[in-house]
């Protein structure tokens, strides 16, 4: 990049890097890199850092998976076990799209809510911090977490974030959990802090499709294989 777009002159980002799948006659730069053997393996991986106190926004690894971004458990006997990457077949006709088995919200043992009951689709999208989903489902989620519409966005009581119910997203039979700290975004100015729901009602992709942005992708390190057409997810470190 030789020129910073006017719209980004005052942003931390200097531009947008496209890593979508190959479509028609258009070949994204990553595909070109692999075809020209500039990288060894047909994979790239994305680590997002949502720590507001850090200047590091994350990184993109071209051609490899970085083990330091994969969560590990250290046991008392000093055994170290790395979490297993779950790989999913991807529909790469237009997006990095994959199947979701179901989504379960557990408020308490007597109040368990299931969304995407018969399976649904999701798109991995690093360009947004939100989780977009069918309006009927997102409206129900906002009722569960007691979010109120305010100036076009749904907000919650900041003091309640740690008590928010857990959301388990099932991919290939395994649960990927998000808590309130992951799906509630804190926005602060000099005088106040507002806690905004990451869930956004959005029917533009169809009645059965979700978009998983930073609220999900910051919690789970994502790996994209352009040759096998798979997406891998694992808890981020």
Protein backbone atom coordinates (compact mmCIF):
# COMPACT_ATOMS: atom_id res chain seq x y z
CA UNK A 1 0.00 0.00 0.00
CA UNK A 2 1.46 3.35 -1.02
CA UNK A 3 -1.44 5.66 -0.14
CA UNK A 4 -3.67 5.63 2.93
CA UNK A 5 -7.35 6.06 1.93
CA UNK A 6 -8.90 9.35 3.04
CA UNK A 7 -11.54 7.49 5.02
CA UNK A 8 -8.78 5.94 7.16
CA UNK A 9 -6.58 8.97 7.75
CA UNK A 10 -7.57 9.13 11.41
CA UNK A 11 -8.08 5.41 12.02
CA UNK A 12 -5.59 3.03 13.60
CA UNK A 13 -5.93 0.87 10.48
CA UNK A 14 -4.28 1.97 7.24
CA UNK A 15 -6.37 -0.19 4.95
CA UNK A 16 -8.40 -3.36 4.43
CA UNK A 17 -6.82 -6.71 3.58
CA UNK A 18 -9.09 -9.04 1.62
CA UNK A 19 -8.79 -12.72 2.51
CA UNK A 20 -12.09 -13.94 1.16
CA UNK A 21 -12.29 -17.09 -0.98
CA UNK A 22 -11.58 -17.10 -4.69
CA UNK A 23 -14.65 -16.13 -6.71
CA UNK A 24 -15.04 -16.31 -10.48
CA UNK A 25 -12.06 -14.81 -12.30
CA UNK A 26 -10.92 -12.84 -9.27
CA UNK A 27 -7.90 -14.33 -7.51
CA UNK A 28 -7.21 -12.90 -4.03
CA UNK A 29 -3.57 -12.13 -3.31
CA UNK A 30 -3.20 -15.08 -0.92
CA UNK A 31 -4.14 -17.53 -3.67
CA UNK A 32 -1.57 -15.85 -5.91
CA UNK A 33 1.10 -16.17 -3.22
CA UNK A 34 0.43 -19.89 -2.91
CA UNK A 35 0.28 -20.47 -6.66
CA UNK A 36 3.61 -18.68 -7.08
CA UNK A 37 5.09 -20.72 -4.20
CA UNK A 38 5.78 -17.65 -2.06
CA UNK A 39 4.38 -19.63 0.86
CA UNK A 40 4.66 -23.35 1.53
CA UNK A 41 1.23 -24.29 2.85
CA UNK A 42 -2.20 -23.16 1.59
CA UNK A 43 -3.29 -21.85 4.98
CA UNK A 44 -3.61 -18.55 6.77
CA UNK A 45 -4.65 -18.02 10.35
CA UNK A 46 -6.11 -15.09 12.25
CA UNK A 47 -5.59 -14.09 15.86
CA UNK A 48 -7.62 -11.14 17.15
CA UNK A 49 -6.75 -9.34 20.36
CA UNK A 50 -9.67 -7.47 21.92
CA UNK A 51 -7.73 -6.28 24.98
CA UNK A 52 -8.64 -2.59 25.12
CA UNK A 53 -5.48 -1.83 27.09
CA UNK A 54 -3.20 -3.27 24.43
CA UNK A 55 -1.89 -1.60 21.28
CA UNK A 56 -1.73 -4.97 19.54
CA UNK A 57 -4.84 -5.72 17.56
CA UNK A 58 -3.77 -9.24 16.65
CA UNK A 59 -2.03 -10.75 13.66
CA UNK A 60 -2.44 -12.75 10.47
CA UNK A 61 -0.12 -15.66 9.74
CA UNK A 62 0.29 -16.39 6.03
CA UNK A 63 1.21 -19.98 5.26
CA UNK A 64 1.25 -21.38 8.80
CA UNK A 65 -0.47 -21.81 12.14
CA UNK A 66 1.22 -20.20 15.15
CA UNK A 67 1.11 -22.54 18.19
CA UNK A 68 1.57 -19.63 20.61
CA UNK A 69 -2.00 -18.52 19.84
CA UNK A 70 -3.49 -21.92 20.76
CA UNK A 71 -4.69 -22.39 24.34
CA UNK A 72 -2.82 -24.94 26.44
CA UNK A 73 -3.64 -26.51 29.79
CA UNK A 74 -0.80 -27.02 32.27
CA UNK A 75 -1.45 -29.77 34.81
CA UNK A 76 0.08 -30.07 38.32
CA UNK A 77 2.56 -32.69 37.04
CA UNK A 78 3.69 -30.07 34.48
CA UNK A 79 2.14 -31.96 31.58
CA UNK A 80 1.09 -29.49 28.88
CA UNK A 81 -1.87 -30.35 26.66
CA UNK A 82 -2.70 -28.16 23.69
CA UNK A 83 -6.36 -27.73 22.78
CA UNK A 84 -7.47 -29.63 19.68
CA UNK A 85 -8.27 -27.69 16.52
CA UNK A 86 -11.76 -28.50 15.22
CA UNK A 87 -11.86 -28.44 11.42
CA UNK A 88 -15.06 -27.85 9.46
CA UNK A 89 -15.81 -28.17 5.77
CA UNK A 90 -16.30 -24.70 4.31
CA UNK A 91 -18.59 -23.52 1.56
CA UNK A 92 -16.30 -21.06 -0.20
CA UNK A 93 -18.57 -20.07 -3.08
CA UNK A 94 -18.70 -16.50 -1.75
CA UNK A 95 -17.62 -16.47 1.89
CA UNK A 96 -15.85 -18.57 4.48
CA UNK A 97 -19.12 -20.26 5.43
CA UNK A 98 -19.60 -23.35 7.59
CA UNK A 99 -22.30 -25.38 9.31
CA UNK A 100 -23.44 -24.81 12.88
CA UNK A 101 -25.11 -27.73 14.68
CA UNK A 102 -27.05 -25.65 17.21
CA UNK A 103 -26.68 -22.80 19.69
CA UNK A 104 -27.73 -23.16 23.34
CA UNK A 105 -28.20 -20.34 25.85
CA UNK A 106 -28.22 -21.52 29.46
CA UNK A 107 -29.61 -18.97 31.89
CA UNK A 108 -30.01 -21.57 34.64
CA UNK A 109 -30.90 -25.30 34.70
CA UNK A 110 -34.59 -24.50 34.29
CA UNK A 111 -34.14 -21.90 31.56
CA UNK A 112 -32.29 -23.32 28.57
CA UNK A 113 -32.92 -21.81 25.15
CA UNK A 114 -31.98 -23.42 21.84
CA UNK A 115 -31.41 -21.53 18.60
CA UNK A 116 -30.46 -22.94 15.21
CA UNK A 117 -32.31 -26.09 16.34
CA UNK A 118 -32.06 -27.94 13.02
CA UNK A 119 -28.67 -26.58 12.07
CA UNK A 120 -27.79 -23.32 10.36
CA UNK A 121 -25.00 -21.56 8.49
CA UNK A 122 -22.40 -19.11 9.76
CA UNK A 123 -19.85 -16.89 8.04
CA UNK A 124 -16.49 -15.99 9.59
CA UNK A 125 -16.05 -12.23 9.18
CA UNK A 126 -13.06 -10.40 10.65
CA UNK A 127 -14.35 -7.04 9.39
CA UNK A 128 -16.89 -6.71 12.19
CA UNK A 129 -16.80 -7.06 15.98
CA UNK A 130 -20.41 -8.18 16.05
CA UNK A 131 -22.40 -11.38 15.77
CA UNK A 132 -25.21 -10.91 13.28
CA UNK A 133 -28.14 -13.29 13.22
CA UNK A 134 -31.78 -13.70 12.22
CA UNK A 135 -33.89 -10.98 13.81
CA UNK A 136 -36.27 -13.38 15.50
CA UNK A 137 -33.38 -15.14 17.25
CA UNK A 138 -31.42 -12.01 18.16
CA UNK A 139 -34.56 -10.40 19.59
CA UNK A 140 -35.03 -13.48 21.78
CA UNK A 141 -31.39 -13.34 22.92
CA UNK A 142 -31.76 -9.68 23.87
CA UNK A 143 -34.80 -10.57 25.94
CA UNK A 144 -32.80 -13.31 27.71
CA UNK A 145 -29.93 -10.95 28.60
CA UNK A 146 -32.30 -8.06 29.38
CA UNK A 147 -30.83 -5.76 26.72
CA UNK A 148 -32.69 -2.51 26.02
CA UNK A 149 -32.78 -0.62 22.73
CA UNK A 150 -31.02 2.73 23.12
CA UNK A 151 -30.11 5.02 20.24
CA UNK A 152 -30.33 2.17 17.76
CA UNK A 153 -28.22 -0.27 19.79
CA UNK A 154 -28.98 -2.80 22.49
CA UNK A 155 -27.34 -2.02 25.83
CA UNK A 156 -27.10 -3.90 29.11
CA UNK A 157 -26.21 -3.09 32.70
CA UNK A 158 -22.40 -3.16 32.85
CA UNK A 159 -22.51 -4.58 36.37
CA UNK A 160 -24.32 -7.67 35.08
CA UNK A 161 -21.75 -8.78 32.48
CA UNK A 162 -20.13 -11.44 34.67
CA UNK A 163 -23.55 -12.93 35.44
CA UNK A 164 -24.65 -13.10 31.80
CA UNK A 165 -25.75 -16.58 30.64
CA UNK A 166 -23.33 -18.70 28.65
CA UNK A 167 -23.84 -19.30 24.95
CA UNK A 168 -22.61 -22.64 23.61
CA UNK A 169 -22.16 -22.76 19.84
CA UNK A 170 -21.87 -26.36 18.64
CA UNK A 171 -19.55 -27.00 15.70
CA UNK A 172 -18.89 -30.57 14.57
CA UNK A 173 -20.42 -31.76 17.83
CA UNK A 174 -18.16 -29.67 20.07
CA UNK A 175 -19.22 -26.69 22.16
CA UNK A 176 -17.55 -23.31 21.67
CA UNK A 177 -18.57 -21.16 24.64
CA UNK A 178 -19.02 -17.41 24.85
CA UNK A 179 -19.71 -15.56 28.08
CA UNK A 180 -20.84 -12.02 28.76
CA UNK A 181 -17.28 -10.70 28.54
CA UNK A 182 -17.12 -11.95 24.96
CA UNK A 183 -20.52 -10.91 23.62
CA UNK A 184 -20.84 -7.58 25.44
CA UNK A 185 -18.69 -4.68 24.17
CA UNK A 186 -17.66 -1.83 26.46
CA UNK A 187 -17.54 1.61 24.85
CA UNK A 188 -16.14 4.44 26.96
CA UNK A 189 -15.74 8.18 26.70
CA UNK A 190 -14.50 10.76 29.20
CA UNK A 191 -17.69 10.71 31.24
CA UNK A 192 -19.28 7.28 30.94
CA UNK A 193 -19.10 3.66 29.83
CA UNK A 194 -21.82 1.97 27.79
CA UNK A 195 -22.09 -1.81 27.50
CA UNK A 196 -23.41 -2.82 24.10
CA UNK A 197 -24.61 -6.21 22.92
CA UNK A 198 -22.52 -7.71 20.11
CA UNK A 199 -25.66 -9.35 18.73
CA UNK A 200 -27.20 -7.53 15.79
CA UNK A 201 -30.46 -8.50 14.06
CA UNK A 202 -29.72 -9.07 10.39
CA UNK A 203 -31.84 -10.97 7.86
CA UNK A 204 -29.86 -9.86 4.80
CA UNK A 205 -28.04 -13.19 4.53
CA UNK A 206 -31.25 -15.19 4.76
CA UNK A 207 -33.36 -16.59 7.60
CA UNK A 208 -30.89 -19.27 8.64
CA UNK A 209 -27.46 -17.61 8.45
CA UNK A 210 -25.30 -15.97 11.10
CA UNK A 211 -22.19 -13.82 10.80
CA UNK A 212 -19.50 -14.47 13.42
CA UNK A 213 -17.29 -11.41 13.85
CA UNK A 214 -14.77 -10.42 16.48
CA UNK A 215 -16.96 -11.34 19.44
CA UNK A 216 -16.46 -14.97 18.41
CA UNK A 217 -13.19 -14.82 16.46
CA UNK A 218 -11.27 -13.11 19.27
CA UNK A 219 -12.11 -16.00 21.57
CA UNK A 220 -11.22 -18.66 19.00
CA UNK A 221 -8.14 -18.70 16.81
CA UNK A 222 -9.22 -19.40 13.22
CA UNK A 223 -7.37 -21.30 10.49
CA UNK A 224 -8.36 -21.19 6.82
CA UNK A 225 -7.21 -23.76 4.23
CA UNK A 226 -7.81 -22.71 0.62
CA UNK A 227 -6.89 -26.10 -0.83
CA UNK A 228 -8.87 -28.39 1.49
CA UNK A 229 -11.60 -25.74 1.81
CA UNK A 230 -11.78 -26.05 5.57
CA UNK A 231 -11.94 -23.72 8.57
CA UNK A 232 -10.41 -24.64 11.89
CA UNK A 233 -11.29 -23.17 15.27
CA UNK A 234 -9.52 -23.57 18.60
CA UNK A 235 -9.58 -21.63 21.86
CA UNK A 236 -7.18 -18.72 21.57
CA UNK A 237 -4.32 -18.10 23.97
